[in-house]
N, C-alpha and C. Protein backbone atom coordinates (compact mmCIF):
# COMPACT_ATOMS: atom_id res chain seq x y z
N MET A 1 -78.97 2.56 41.24
CA MET A 1 -79.79 2.94 40.09
C MET A 1 -78.91 3.46 38.94
N GLN A 2 -77.90 4.24 39.32
CA GLN A 2 -76.99 4.78 38.30
C GLN A 2 -76.22 3.65 37.62
N ASP A 3 -75.82 2.63 38.39
CA ASP A 3 -75.10 1.49 37.81
C ASP A 3 -75.98 0.73 36.83
N MET A 4 -77.26 0.60 37.14
CA MET A 4 -78.19 -0.12 36.26
C MET A 4 -78.36 0.64 34.94
N LYS A 5 -78.48 1.96 35.01
CA LYS A 5 -78.60 2.76 33.79
C LYS A 5 -77.34 2.65 32.94
N LEU A 6 -76.20 2.69 33.61
CA LEU A 6 -74.93 2.57 32.89
C LEU A 6 -74.81 1.19 32.23
N PHE A 7 -75.21 0.15 32.96
CA PHE A 7 -75.19 -1.20 32.41
C PHE A 7 -76.11 -1.32 31.20
N LEU A 8 -77.32 -0.78 31.30
CA LEU A 8 -78.26 -0.84 30.18
C LEU A 8 -77.76 -0.03 28.99
N PHE A 9 -77.11 1.10 29.26
CA PHE A 9 -76.55 1.91 28.18
C PHE A 9 -75.46 1.14 27.44
N TYR A 10 -74.56 0.50 28.20
CA TYR A 10 -73.50 -0.29 27.57
C TYR A 10 -74.07 -1.49 26.82
N LEU A 11 -75.09 -2.12 27.39
CA LEU A 11 -75.74 -3.23 26.71
C LEU A 11 -76.36 -2.76 25.40
N PHE A 12 -77.00 -1.59 25.44
CA PHE A 12 -77.58 -1.00 24.23
C PHE A 12 -76.50 -0.73 23.18
N LEU A 13 -75.36 -0.18 23.62
CA LEU A 13 -74.27 0.08 22.67
C LEU A 13 -73.74 -1.21 22.06
N ILE A 14 -73.64 -2.26 22.86
CA ILE A 14 -73.16 -3.54 22.34
C ILE A 14 -74.13 -4.11 21.32
N VAL A 15 -75.43 -4.04 21.61
CA VAL A 15 -76.43 -4.57 20.69
C VAL A 15 -76.45 -3.76 19.39
N VAL A 16 -76.43 -2.44 19.50
CA VAL A 16 -76.44 -1.60 18.30
C VAL A 16 -75.15 -1.80 17.50
N GLY A 17 -74.02 -1.87 18.19
CA GLY A 17 -72.75 -2.11 17.49
C GLY A 17 -72.74 -3.45 16.79
N GLY A 18 -73.29 -4.47 17.44
CA GLY A 18 -73.38 -5.79 16.82
C GLY A 18 -74.27 -5.77 15.59
N GLY A 19 -75.38 -5.05 15.68
CA GLY A 19 -76.29 -4.94 14.52
C GLY A 19 -75.63 -4.23 13.36
N ILE A 20 -74.92 -3.15 13.66
CA ILE A 20 -74.22 -2.41 12.60
C ILE A 20 -73.13 -3.28 11.98
N SER A 21 -72.39 -4.00 12.82
CA SER A 21 -71.34 -4.88 12.30
C SER A 21 -71.93 -5.97 11.42
N TYR A 22 -73.03 -6.57 11.87
CA TYR A 22 -73.69 -7.61 11.09
C TYR A 22 -74.12 -7.07 9.73
N PHE A 23 -74.74 -5.88 9.73
CA PHE A 23 -75.19 -5.28 8.49
C PHE A 23 -74.01 -5.00 7.56
N LEU A 24 -72.96 -4.41 8.10
CA LEU A 24 -71.80 -4.07 7.26
C LEU A 24 -71.16 -5.33 6.67
N ILE A 25 -71.00 -6.35 7.49
CA ILE A 25 -70.34 -7.57 7.00
C ILE A 25 -71.19 -8.27 5.96
N ASN A 26 -72.48 -8.47 6.25
CA ASN A 26 -73.32 -9.28 5.35
C ASN A 26 -73.84 -8.51 4.14
N LYS A 27 -74.05 -7.23 4.27
CA LYS A 27 -74.66 -6.47 3.17
C LYS A 27 -73.67 -5.64 2.36
N VAL A 28 -72.51 -5.37 2.93
CA VAL A 28 -71.55 -4.50 2.23
C VAL A 28 -70.26 -5.25 1.90
N ILE A 29 -69.62 -5.80 2.92
CA ILE A 29 -68.28 -6.37 2.73
C ILE A 29 -68.32 -7.68 1.96
N LEU A 30 -69.20 -8.62 2.35
CA LEU A 30 -69.24 -9.92 1.67
C LEU A 30 -69.62 -9.81 0.19
N PRO A 31 -70.66 -9.03 -0.17
CA PRO A 31 -70.93 -8.89 -1.62
C PRO A 31 -69.76 -8.27 -2.38
N PHE A 32 -69.07 -7.32 -1.76
CA PHE A 32 -67.90 -6.71 -2.40
C PHE A 32 -66.81 -7.76 -2.63
N LEU A 33 -66.56 -8.60 -1.62
CA LEU A 33 -65.55 -9.65 -1.76
C LEU A 33 -65.96 -10.68 -2.81
N GLU A 34 -67.25 -11.00 -2.87
CA GLU A 34 -67.71 -11.94 -3.89
C GLU A 34 -67.52 -11.37 -5.29
N LYS A 35 -67.75 -10.07 -5.44
CA LYS A 35 -67.55 -9.43 -6.74
C LYS A 35 -66.08 -9.47 -7.13
N ILE A 36 -65.20 -9.19 -6.17
CA ILE A 36 -63.76 -9.27 -6.44
C ILE A 36 -63.37 -10.69 -6.81
N GLU A 37 -63.96 -11.66 -6.11
CA GLU A 37 -63.65 -13.07 -6.39
C GLU A 37 -64.08 -13.45 -7.80
N GLU A 38 -65.27 -12.96 -8.24
CA GLU A 38 -65.73 -13.26 -9.60
C GLU A 38 -64.78 -12.67 -10.64
N VAL A 39 -64.34 -11.45 -10.42
CA VAL A 39 -63.43 -10.80 -11.36
C VAL A 39 -62.11 -11.56 -11.40
N SER A 40 -61.62 -11.96 -10.23
CA SER A 40 -60.36 -12.70 -10.17
C SER A 40 -60.49 -14.05 -10.84
N ALA A 41 -61.63 -14.71 -10.64
CA ALA A 41 -61.84 -16.02 -11.26
C ALA A 41 -61.91 -15.88 -12.78
N LYS A 42 -62.57 -14.83 -13.27
CA LYS A 42 -62.63 -14.62 -14.72
C LYS A 42 -61.24 -14.36 -15.28
N LYS A 43 -60.46 -13.56 -14.58
CA LYS A 43 -59.10 -13.27 -15.05
C LYS A 43 -58.25 -14.54 -15.04
N LEU A 44 -58.40 -15.34 -14.00
CA LEU A 44 -57.65 -16.59 -13.91
C LEU A 44 -58.04 -17.54 -15.04
N MET A 45 -59.34 -17.62 -15.34
CA MET A 45 -59.80 -18.48 -16.43
C MET A 45 -59.25 -17.98 -17.77
N ARG A 46 -59.27 -16.67 -17.96
CA ARG A 46 -58.76 -16.11 -19.21
C ARG A 46 -57.26 -16.39 -19.35
N ASP A 47 -56.52 -16.20 -18.26
CA ASP A 47 -55.08 -16.46 -18.30
C ASP A 47 -54.78 -17.93 -18.54
N SER A 48 -55.54 -18.81 -17.88
CA SER A 48 -55.28 -20.24 -18.07
C SER A 48 -55.66 -20.68 -19.48
N LYS A 49 -56.71 -20.08 -20.03
CA LYS A 49 -57.09 -20.41 -21.41
C LYS A 49 -55.98 -19.99 -22.37
N GLN A 50 -55.41 -18.81 -22.14
CA GLN A 50 -54.32 -18.34 -22.99
C GLN A 50 -53.10 -19.23 -22.84
N MET A 51 -52.84 -19.70 -21.62
CA MET A 51 -51.71 -20.59 -21.39
C MET A 51 -51.90 -21.92 -22.13
N ILE A 52 -53.13 -22.44 -22.10
CA ILE A 52 -53.42 -23.69 -22.81
C ILE A 52 -53.24 -23.51 -24.31
N ILE A 53 -53.67 -22.37 -24.83
CA ILE A 53 -53.50 -22.09 -26.26
C ILE A 53 -52.01 -22.04 -26.60
N ASN A 54 -51.21 -21.38 -25.75
CA ASN A 54 -49.77 -21.31 -26.00
C ASN A 54 -49.13 -22.69 -25.98
N ILE A 55 -49.54 -23.53 -25.05
CA ILE A 55 -49.00 -24.89 -24.98
C ILE A 55 -49.38 -25.68 -26.22
N ARG A 56 -50.62 -25.54 -26.68
CA ARG A 56 -51.05 -26.26 -27.89
C ARG A 56 -50.24 -25.81 -29.10
N VAL A 57 -50.01 -24.50 -29.21
CA VAL A 57 -49.24 -23.99 -30.34
C VAL A 57 -47.82 -24.53 -30.30
N ARG A 58 -47.21 -24.55 -29.13
CA ARG A 58 -45.84 -25.05 -29.03
C ARG A 58 -45.79 -26.55 -29.30
N CYS A 59 -46.79 -27.29 -28.84
CA CYS A 59 -46.83 -28.73 -29.12
C CYS A 59 -47.01 -28.97 -30.62
N LEU A 60 -47.79 -28.13 -31.28
CA LEU A 60 -47.98 -28.25 -32.72
C LEU A 60 -46.66 -27.98 -33.44
N ILE A 61 -45.93 -26.97 -32.99
CA ILE A 61 -44.63 -26.66 -33.59
C ILE A 61 -43.68 -27.82 -33.39
N ILE A 62 -43.67 -28.41 -32.20
CA ILE A 62 -42.78 -29.54 -31.92
C ILE A 62 -43.14 -30.71 -32.82
N SER A 63 -44.42 -31.02 -32.93
CA SER A 63 -44.81 -32.18 -33.73
C SER A 63 -44.60 -31.93 -35.22
N LYS A 64 -44.66 -30.68 -35.65
CA LYS A 64 -44.54 -30.38 -37.07
C LYS A 64 -43.08 -30.36 -37.52
N TRP A 65 -42.23 -29.71 -36.73
CA TRP A 65 -40.84 -29.55 -37.15
C TRP A 65 -39.85 -30.34 -36.29
N GLY A 66 -40.31 -30.93 -35.22
CA GLY A 66 -39.44 -31.77 -34.41
C GLY A 66 -38.61 -31.02 -33.40
N TYR A 67 -38.82 -29.75 -33.21
CA TYR A 67 -38.09 -29.00 -32.19
C TYR A 67 -38.97 -27.87 -31.68
N LEU A 68 -38.59 -27.32 -30.58
CA LEU A 68 -39.37 -26.28 -29.93
C LEU A 68 -38.77 -24.91 -30.24
N ILE A 69 -39.59 -24.04 -30.77
CA ILE A 69 -39.17 -22.66 -30.99
C ILE A 69 -39.70 -21.85 -29.82
N THR A 70 -38.82 -21.27 -29.05
CA THR A 70 -39.27 -20.47 -27.91
C THR A 70 -39.53 -19.06 -28.38
N PHE A 71 -40.53 -18.47 -27.82
CA PHE A 71 -40.92 -17.12 -28.22
C PHE A 71 -40.28 -16.11 -27.31
């Protein structure tokens, strides 16, 4: 009888621990990671846009004067 109670107690702990883990992963950790991903993607887009602008300016300088002026 004592073994059965111990088994049910451990089973209860496993189920409760699994539920808590599921909640933390799906409701807390994943939304946080998605928010970080959005911020990183916006920063990457901003940086790549600036890089494209720099390349266009340098190409304009090359086509206008025939040489590249490095900044």
